[in-house]
Amino acid sequence: MALKMKKASMFTKIVILALTLYAVVNLVSVRGRVSEAEALSEELQQQVTEMTQRNAELEYQIAHGGDEEKIEEIARNKLGLVLPG
């Protein structure tokens, strides 16, 4: 009877050890994915900041781009137009 208890006790210890190892491996894996997600989040936040700044610049250009020199510059450089004559 004592031998059966020792075998059962040993089996229980092995099962607990296996489950503990599984939990540790799982935890490390999850931490890695969290780190990757945080890095991606920071990168995307940087892109949002850059796009917000670019958007503000474009809105400023639209609001203040009505002067004749700016219109001529855009017509020449971006549209390939030339003044007659």
PDB file of N, CA and C in Angstrom:
ATOM      1  N   MET A   1       0.812  -1.190   0.000  1.00  0.00           N
ATOM      2  CA  MET A   1       0.000   0.000   0.000  1.00  0.00           C
ATOM      3  C   MET A   1       0.861   1.262   0.000  1.00  0.00           C
ATOM      4  N   ALA A   2       1.946   1.243   0.752  1.00  0.00           N
ATOM      5  CA  ALA A   2       2.838   2.396   0.835  1.00  0.00           C
ATOM      6  C   ALA A   2       3.508   2.653  -0.509  1.00  0.00           C
ATOM      7  N   LEU A   3       3.815   1.583  -1.252  1.00  0.00           N
ATOM      8  CA  LEU A   3       4.445   1.731  -2.558  1.00  0.00           C
ATOM      9  C   LEU A   3       3.502   2.411  -3.536  1.00  0.00           C
ATOM     10  N   LYS A   4       2.208   2.068  -3.481  1.00  0.00           N
ATOM     11  CA  LYS A   4       1.222   2.713  -4.346  1.00  0.00           C
ATOM     12  C   LYS A   4       1.119   4.198  -4.022  1.00  0.00           C
ATOM     13  N   MET A   5       1.177   4.553  -2.761  1.00  0.00           N
ATOM     14  CA  MET A   5       1.103   5.963  -2.356  1.00  0.00           C
ATOM     15  C   MET A   5       2.317   6.732  -2.858  1.00  0.00           C
ATOM     16  N   LYS A   6       3.500   6.089  -2.813  1.00  0.00           N
ATOM     17  CA  LYS A   6       4.710   6.751  -3.297  1.00  0.00           C
ATOM     18  C   LYS A   6       4.621   6.965  -4.805  1.00  0.00           C
ATOM     19  N   LYS A   7       4.118   5.958  -5.542  1.00  0.00           N
ATOM     20  CA  LYS A   7       3.967   6.092  -6.988  1.00  0.00           C
ATOM     21  C   LYS A   7       2.959   7.189  -7.318  1.00  0.00           C
ATOM     22  N   ALA A   8       1.850   7.217  -6.608  1.00  0.00           N
ATOM     23  CA  ALA A   8       0.831   8.245  -6.840  1.00  0.00           C
ATOM     24  C   ALA A   8       1.387   9.616  -6.495  1.00  0.00           C
ATOM     25  N   SER A   9       2.142   9.692  -5.422  1.00  0.00           N
ATOM     26  CA  SER A   9       2.731  10.961  -5.015  1.00  0.00           C
ATOM     27  C   SER A   9       3.743  11.434  -6.060  1.00  0.00           C
ATOM     28  N   MET A  10       4.555  10.521  -6.571  1.00  0.00           N
ATOM     29  CA  MET A  10       5.545  10.859  -7.596  1.00  0.00           C
ATOM     30  C   MET A  10       4.835  11.303  -8.875  1.00  0.00           C
ATOM     31  N   PHE A  11       3.784  10.597  -9.259  1.00  0.00           N
ATOM     32  CA  PHE A  11       3.018  10.964 -10.452  1.00  0.00           C
ATOM     33  C   PHE A  11       2.420  12.363 -10.294  1.00  0.00           C
ATOM     34  N   THR A  12       1.890  12.648  -9.123  1.00  0.00           N
ATOM     35  CA  THR A  12       1.307  13.965  -8.851  1.00  0.00           C
ATOM     36  C   THR A  12       2.367  15.056  -8.971  1.00  0.00           C
ATOM     37  N   LYS A  13       3.553  14.786  -8.439  1.00  0.00           N
ATOM     38  CA  LYS A  13       4.646  15.764  -8.527  1.00  0.00           C
ATOM     39  C   LYS A  13       5.048  16.014  -9.982  1.00  0.00           C
ATOM     40  N   ILE A  14       5.106  14.956 -10.772  1.00  0.00           N
ATOM     41  CA  ILE A  14       5.472  15.097 -12.187  1.00  0.00           C
ATOM     42  C   ILE A  14       4.416  15.906 -12.931  1.00  0.00           C
ATOM     43  N   VAL A  15       3.150  15.624 -12.663  1.00  0.00           N
ATOM     44  CA  VAL A  15       2.060  16.366 -13.306  1.00  0.00           C
ATOM     45  C   VAL A  15       2.125  17.841 -12.917  1.00  0.00           C
ATOM     46  N   ILE A  16       2.340  18.113 -11.642  1.00  0.00           N
ATOM     47  CA  ILE A  16       2.427  19.507 -11.184  1.00  0.00           C
ATOM     48  C   ILE A  16       3.623  20.203 -11.824  1.00  0.00           C
ATOM     49  N   LEU A  17       4.759  19.510 -11.910  1.00  0.00           N
ATOM     50  CA  LEU A  17       5.947  20.084 -12.553  1.00  0.00           C
ATOM     51  C   LEU A  17       5.680  20.379 -14.029  1.00  0.00           C
ATOM     52  N   ALA A  18       5.037  19.449 -14.719  1.00  0.00           N
ATOM     53  CA  ALA A  18       4.728  19.647 -16.139  1.00  0.00           C
ATOM     54  C   ALA A  18       3.790  20.835 -16.330  1.00  0.00           C
ATOM     55  N   LEU A  19       2.779  20.930 -15.498  1.00  0.00           N
ATOM     56  CA  LEU A  19       1.843  22.057 -15.600  1.00  0.00           C
ATOM     57  C   LEU A  19       2.534  23.386 -15.287  1.00  0.00           C
ATOM     58  N   THR A  20       3.433  23.363 -14.317  1.00  0.00           N
ATOM     59  CA  THR A  20       4.176  24.577 -13.974  1.00  0.00           C
ATOM     60  C   THR A  20       5.064  25.010 -15.139  1.00  0.00           C
ATOM     61  N   LEU A  21       5.760  24.050 -15.742  1.00  0.00           N
ATOM     62  CA  LEU A  21       6.603  24.372 -16.900  1.00  0.00           C
ATOM     63  C   LEU A  21       5.761  24.919 -18.052  1.00  0.00           C
ATOM     64  N   TYR A  22       4.618  24.306 -18.281  1.00  0.00           N
ATOM     65  CA  TYR A  22       3.720  24.780 -19.337  1.00  0.00           C
ATOM     66  C   TYR A  22       3.283  26.216 -19.057  1.00  0.00           C
ATOM     67  N   ALA A  23       2.942  26.503 -17.814  1.00  0.00           N
ATOM     68  CA  ALA A  23       2.506  27.853 -17.448  1.00  0.00           C
ATOM     69  C   ALA A  23       3.632  28.864 -17.641  1.00  0.00           C
ATOM     70  N   VAL A  24       4.853  28.497 -17.283  1.00  0.00           N
ATOM     71  CA  VAL A  24       5.999  29.402 -17.443  1.00  0.00           C
ATOM     72  C   VAL A  24       6.253  29.676 -18.921  1.00  0.00           C
ATOM     73  N   VAL A  25       6.243  28.638 -19.738  1.00  0.00           N
ATOM     74  CA  VAL A  25       6.465  28.818 -21.179  1.00  0.00           C
ATOM     75  C   VAL A  25       5.371  29.692 -21.770  1.00  0.00           C
ATOM     76  N   ASN A  26       4.144  29.453 -21.357  1.00  0.00           N
ATOM     77  CA  ASN A  26       3.017  30.257 -21.837  1.00  0.00           C
ATOM     78  C   ASN A  26       3.175  31.713 -21.426  1.00  0.00           C
ATOM     79  N   LEU A  27       3.591  31.944 -20.194  1.00  0.00           N
ATOM     80  CA  LEU A  27       3.783  33.302 -19.689  1.00  0.00           C
ATOM     81  C   LEU A  27       4.860  34.035 -20.483  1.00  0.00           C
ATOM     82  N   VAL A  28       5.960  33.368 -20.759  1.00  0.00           N
ATOM     83  CA  VAL A  28       7.040  33.982 -21.540  1.00  0.00           C
ATOM     84  C   VAL A  28       6.543  34.324 -22.941  1.00  0.00           C
ATOM     85  N   SER A  29       5.784  33.429 -23.526  1.00  0.00           N
ATOM     86  CA  SER A  29       5.241  33.670 -24.861  1.00  0.00           C
ATOM     87  C   SER A  29       4.311  34.877 -24.870  1.00  0.00           C
ATOM     88  N   VAL A  30       3.449  34.959 -23.887  1.00  0.00           N
ATOM     89  CA  VAL A  30       2.506  36.079 -23.806  1.00  0.00           C
ATOM     90  C   VAL A  30       3.255  37.389 -23.587  1.00  0.00           C
ATOM     91  N   ARG A  31       4.271  37.371 -22.741  1.00  0.00           N
ATOM     92  CA  ARG A  31       5.053  38.592 -22.502  1.00  0.00           C
ATOM     93  C   ARG A  31       5.727  39.060 -23.796  1.00  0.00           C
ATOM     94  N   GLY A  32       6.208  38.116 -24.602  1.00  0.00           N
ATOM     95  CA  GLY A  32       6.814  38.473 -25.880  1.00  0.00           C
ATOM     96  C   GLY A  32       5.808  39.128 -26.808  1.00  0.00           C
ATOM     97  N   ARG A  33       4.611  38.577 -26.855  1.00  0.00           N
ATOM     98  CA  ARG A  33       3.575  39.159 -27.715  1.00  0.00           C
ATOM     99  C   ARG A  33       3.146  40.531 -27.218  1.00  0.00           C
ATOM    100  N   VAL A  34       3.104  40.704 -25.904  1.00  0.00           N
ATOM    101  CA  VAL A  34       2.755  42.009 -25.339  1.00  0.00           C
ATOM    102  C   VAL A  34       3.821  43.035 -25.710  1.00  0.00           C
ATOM    103  N   SER A  35       5.085  42.648 -25.629  1.00  0.00           N
ATOM    104  CA  SER A  35       6.172  43.561 -25.998  1.00  0.00           C
ATOM    105  C   SER A  35       6.072  43.962 -27.467  1.00  0.00           C
ATOM    106  N   GLU A  36       5.788  42.992 -28.329  1.00  0.00           N
ATOM    107  CA  GLU A  36       5.626  43.290 -29.754  1.00  0.00           C
ATOM    108  C   GLU A  36       4.454  44.239 -29.976  1.00  0.00           C
ATOM    109  N   ALA A  37       3.360  43.997 -29.285  1.00  0.00           N
ATOM    110  CA  ALA A  37       2.181  44.854 -29.438  1.00  0.00           C
ATOM    111  C   ALA A  37       2.465  46.269 -28.940  1.00  0.00           C
ATOM    112  N   GLU A  38       3.213  46.397 -27.858  1.00  0.00           N
ATOM    113  CA  GLU A  38       3.560  47.724 -27.351  1.00  0.00           C
ATOM    114  C   GLU A  38       4.456  48.467 -28.336  1.00  0.00           C
ATOM    115  N   ALA A  39       5.416  47.758 -28.936  1.00  0.00           N
ATOM    116  CA  ALA A  39       6.295  48.383 -29.924  1.00  0.00           C
ATOM    117  C   ALA A  39       5.487  48.846 -31.133  1.00  0.00           C
ATOM    118  N   LEU A  40       4.561  48.015 -31.589  1.00  0.00           N
ATOM    119  CA  LEU A  40       3.712  48.387 -32.715  1.00  0.00           C
ATOM    120  C   LEU A  40       2.843  49.583 -32.358  1.00  0.00           C
ATOM    121  N   SER A  41       2.331  49.603 -31.150  1.00  0.00           N
ATOM    122  CA  SER A  41       1.504  50.720 -30.698  1.00  0.00           C
ATOM    123  C   SER A  41       2.294  52.023 -30.702  1.00  0.00           C
ATOM    124  N   GLU A  42       3.535  51.977 -30.227  1.00  0.00           N
ATOM    125  CA  GLU A  42       4.380  53.175 -30.230  1.00  0.00           C
ATOM    126  C   GLU A  42       4.648  53.645 -31.658  1.00  0.00           C
ATOM    127  N   GLU A  43       4.925  52.698 -32.551  1.00  0.00           N
ATOM    128  CA  GLU A  43       5.183  53.045 -33.952  1.00  0.00           C
ATOM    129  C   GLU A  43       3.950  53.689 -34.584  1.00  0.00           C
ATOM    130  N   LEU A  44       2.792  53.117 -34.333  1.00  0.00           N
ATOM    131  CA  LEU A  44       1.560  53.668 -34.890  1.00  0.00           C
ATOM    132  C   LEU A  44       1.244  55.033 -34.290  1.00  0.00           C
ATOM    133  N   GLN A  45       1.530  55.212 -33.013  1.00  0.00           N
ATOM    134  CA  GLN A  45       1.308  56.514 -32.381  1.00  0.00           C
ATOM    135  C   GLN A  45       2.217  57.565 -33.014  1.00  0.00           C
ATOM    136  N   GLN A  46       3.447  57.181 -33.327  1.00  0.00           N
ATOM    137  CA  GLN A  46       4.370  58.096 -34.002  1.00  0.00           C
ATOM    138  C   GLN A  46       3.820  58.471 -35.379  1.00  0.00           C
ATOM    139  N   GLN A  47       3.280  57.499 -36.098  1.00  0.00           N
ATOM    140  CA  GLN A  47       2.696  57.779 -37.406  1.00  0.00           C
ATOM    141  C   GLN A  47       1.503  58.716 -37.278  1.00  0.00           C
ATOM    142  N   VAL A  48       0.686  58.516 -36.264  1.00  0.00           N
ATOM    143  CA  VAL A  48      -0.466  59.399 -36.042  1.00  0.00           C
ATOM    144  C   VAL A  48       0.015  60.821 -35.792  1.00  0.00           C
ATOM    145  N   THR A  49       1.050  60.968 -34.974  1.00  0.00           N
ATOM    146  CA  THR A  49       1.598  62.293 -34.682  1.00  0.00           C
ATOM    147  C   THR A  49       2.116  62.957 -35.954  1.00  0.00           C
ATOM    148  N   GLU A  50       2.857  62.199 -36.762  1.00  0.00           N
ATOM    149  CA  GLU A  50       3.393  62.743 -38.011  1.00  0.00           C
ATOM    150  C   GLU A  50       2.269  63.142 -38.966  1.00  0.00           C
ATOM    151  N   MET A  51       1.257  62.295 -39.086  1.00  0.00           N
ATOM    152  CA  MET A  51       0.152  62.590 -39.993  1.00  0.00           C
ATOM    153  C   MET A  51      -0.665  63.791 -39.507  1.00  0.00           C
ATOM    154  N   THR A  52      -0.820  63.912 -38.206  1.00  0.00           N
ATOM    155  CA  THR A  52      -1.538  65.060 -37.655  1.00  0.00           C
ATOM    156  C   THR A  52      -0.790  66.349 -37.962  1.00  0.00           C
ATOM    157  N   GLN A  53       0.532  66.300 -37.812  1.00  0.00           N
ATOM    158  CA  GLN A  53       1.349  67.476 -38.120  1.00  0.00           C
ATOM    159  C   GLN A  53       1.274  67.800 -39.614  1.00  0.00           C
ATOM    160  N   ARG A  54       1.375  66.782 -40.449  1.00  0.00           N
ATOM    161  CA  ARG A  54       1.303  66.990 -41.904  1.00  0.00           C
ATOM    162  C   ARG A  54      -0.065  67.551 -42.283  1.00  0.00           C
ATOM    163  N   ASN A  55      -1.108  67.054 -41.665  1.00  0.00           N
ATOM    164  CA  ASN A  55      -2.457  67.530 -41.936  1.00  0.00           C
ATOM    165  C   ASN A  55      -2.587  69.011 -41.575  1.00  0.00           C
ATOM    166  N   ALA A  56      -2.013  69.394 -40.436  1.00  0.00           N
ATOM    167  CA  ALA A  56      -2.056  70.801 -40.023  1.00  0.00           C
ATOM    168  C   ALA A  56      -1.311  71.680 -41.028  1.00  0.00           C
ATOM    169  N   GLU A  57      -0.170  71.184 -41.519  1.00  0.00           N
ATOM    170  CA  GLU A  57       0.588  71.937 -42.526  1.00  0.00           C
ATOM    171  C   GLU A  57      -0.233  72.113 -43.803  1.00  0.00           C
ATOM    172  N   LEU A  58      -0.884  71.046 -44.238  1.00  0.00           N
ATOM    173  CA  LEU A  58      -1.692  71.122 -45.456  1.00  0.00           C
ATOM    174  C   LEU A  58      -2.889  72.052 -45.276  1.00  0.00           C
ATOM    175  N   GLU A  59      -3.515  72.003 -44.100  1.00  0.00           N
ATOM    176  CA  GLU A  59      -4.630  72.914 -43.839  1.00  0.00           C
ATOM    177  C   GLU A  59      -4.160  74.366 -43.868  1.00  0.00           C
ATOM    178  N   TYR A  60      -2.971  74.610 -43.338  1.00  0.00           N
ATOM    179  CA  TYR A  60      -2.412  75.962 -43.367  1.00  0.00           C
ATOM    180  C   TYR A  60      -2.164  76.394 -44.814  1.00  0.00           C
ATOM    181  N   GLN A  61      -1.589  75.483 -45.600  1.00  0.00           N
ATOM    182  CA  GLN A  61      -1.327  75.811 -47.005  1.00  0.00           C
ATOM    183  C   GLN A  61      -2.625  76.098 -47.750  1.00  0.00           C
ATOM    184  N   ILE A  62      -3.658  75.332 -47.475  1.00  0.00           N
ATOM    185  CA  ILE A  62      -4.945  75.572 -48.133  1.00  0.00           C
ATOM    186  C   ILE A  62      -5.497  76.925 -47.729  1.00  0.00           C
ATOM    187  N   ALA A  63      -5.416  77.225 -46.443  1.00  0.00           N
ATOM    188  CA  ALA A  63      -5.966  78.485 -45.946  1.00  0.00           C
ATOM    189  C   ALA A  63      -5.169  79.691 -46.431  1.00  0.00           C
ATOM    190  N   HIS A  64      -3.855  79.533 -46.589  1.00  0.00           N
ATOM    191  CA  HIS A  64      -3.007  80.666 -46.949  1.00  0.00           C
ATOM    192  C   HIS A  64      -2.384  80.517 -48.337  1.00  0.00           C
ATOM    193  N   GLY A  65      -2.861  79.571 -49.101  1.00  0.00           N
ATOM    194  CA  GLY A  65      -2.274  79.318 -50.416  1.00  0.00           C
ATOM    195  C   GLY A  65      -2.936  80.102 -51.531  1.00  0.00           C
ATOM    196  N   GLY A  66      -3.714  81.097 -51.201  1.00  0.00           N
ATOM    197  CA  GLY A  66      -4.446  81.836 -52.213  1.00  0.00           C
ATOM    198  C   GLY A  66      -3.653  82.944 -52.872  1.00  0.00           C
ATOM    199  N   ASP A  67      -2.409  83.183 -52.439  1.00  0.00           N
ATOM    200  CA  ASP A  67      -1.665  84.263 -53.088  1.00  0.00           C
ATOM    201  C   ASP A  67      -1.232  83.840 -54.485  1.00  0.00           C
ATOM    202  N   GLU A  68      -1.089  84.807 -55.337  1.00  0.00           N
ATOM    203  CA  GLU A  68      -0.856  84.545 -56.754  1.00  0.00           C
ATOM    204  C   GLU A  68       0.472  83.838 -57.011  1.00  0.00           C
ATOM    205  N   GLU A  69       1.511  84.199 -56.285  1.00  0.00           N
ATOM    206  CA  GLU A  69       2.816  83.565 -56.488  1.00  0.00           C
ATOM    207  C   GLU A  69       2.758  82.069 -56.173  1.00  0.00           C
ATOM    208  N   LYS A  70       2.082  81.728 -55.109  1.00  0.00           N
ATOM    209  CA  LYS A  70       1.971  80.317 -54.720  1.00  0.00           C
ATOM    210  C   LYS A  70       1.186  79.536 -55.772  1.00  0.00           C
ATOM    211  N   ILE A  71       0.130  80.131 -56.279  1.00  0.00           N
ATOM    212  CA  ILE A  71      -0.670  79.471 -57.316  1.00  0.00           C
ATOM    213  C   ILE A  71       0.165  79.263 -58.575  1.00  0.00           C
ATOM    214  N   GLU A  72       0.944  80.272 -58.970  1.00  0.00           N
ATOM    215  CA  GLU A  72       1.805  80.141 -60.153  1.00  0.00           C
ATOM    216  C   GLU A  72       2.865  79.065 -59.944  1.00  0.00           C
ATOM    217  N   GLU A  73       3.433  79.021 -58.750  1.00  0.00           N
ATOM    218  CA  GLU A  73       4.456  78.007 -58.450  1.00  0.00           C
ATOM    219  C   GLU A  73       3.875  76.599 -58.564  1.00  0.00           C
ATOM    220  N   ILE A  74       2.705  76.401 -58.012  1.00  0.00           N
ATOM    221  CA  ILE A  74       2.060  75.083 -58.095  1.00  0.00           C
ATOM    222  C   ILE A  74       1.729  74.749 -59.543  1.00  0.00           C
ATOM    223  N   ALA A  75       1.234  75.725 -60.289  1.00  0.00           N
ATOM    224  CA  ALA A  75       0.889  75.500 -61.699  1.00  0.00           C
ATOM    225  C   ALA A  75       2.129  75.105 -62.500  1.00  0.00           C
ATOM    226  N   ARG A  76       3.253  75.772 -62.249  1.00  0.00           N
ATOM    227  CA  ARG A  76       4.484  75.461 -62.982  1.00  0.00           C
ATOM    228  C   ARG A  76       5.075  74.117 -62.557  1.00  0.00           C
ATOM    229  N   ASN A  77       5.252  73.938 -61.257  1.00  0.00           N
ATOM    230  CA  ASN A  77       5.997  72.780 -60.754  1.00  0.00           C
ATOM    231  C   ASN A  77       5.190  71.487 -60.722  1.00  0.00           C
ATOM    232  N   LYS A  78       3.946  71.574 -60.359  1.00  0.00           N
ATOM    233  CA  LYS A  78       3.168  70.344 -60.196  1.00  0.00           C
ATOM    234  C   LYS A  78       2.293  70.027 -61.400  1.00  0.00           C
ATOM    235  N   LEU A  79       1.832  71.058 -62.083  1.00  0.00           N
ATOM    236  CA  LEU A  79       0.932  70.831 -63.211  1.00  0.00           C
ATOM    237  C   LEU A  79       1.623  70.976 -64.563  1.00  0.00           C
ATOM    238  N   GLY A  80       2.858  71.494 -64.560  1.00  0.00           N
ATOM    239  CA  GLY A  80       3.618  71.628 -65.798  1.00  0.00           C
ATOM    240  C   GLY A  80       3.118  72.733 -66.710  1.00  0.00           C
ATOM    241  N   LEU A  81       2.420  73.709 -66.172  1.00  0.00           N
ATOM    242  CA  LEU A  81       1.891  74.808 -66.975  1.00  0.00           C
ATOM    243  C   LEU A  81       2.940  75.914 -67.091  1.00  0.00           C
ATOM    244  N   VAL A  82       2.815  76.712 -68.148  1.00  0.00           N
ATOM    245  CA  VAL A  82       3.720  77.855 -68.344  1.00  0.00           C
ATOM    246  C   VAL A  82       2.886  79.092 -68.641  1.00  0.00           C
ATOM    247  N   LEU A  83       3.474  80.248 -68.347  1.00  0.00           N
ATOM    248  CA  LEU A  83       2.799  81.506 -68.657  1.00  0.00           C
ATOM    249  C   LEU A  83       2.818  81.728 -70.166  1.00  0.00           C
ATOM    250  N   PRO A  84       1.750  82.262 -70.724  1.00  0.00           N
ATOM    251  CA  PRO A  84       1.742  82.521 -72.170  1.00  0.00           C
ATOM    252  C   PRO A  84       2.714  83.651 -72.513  1.00  0.00           C
ATOM    253  N   GLY A  85       3.259  83.569 -73.719  1.00  0.00           N
ATOM    254  CA  GLY A  85       4.094  84.662 -74.199  1.00  0.00           C
ATOM    255  C   GLY A  85       5.471  84.344 -74.248  1.00  0.00           C
TER     256      GLY A  85
END
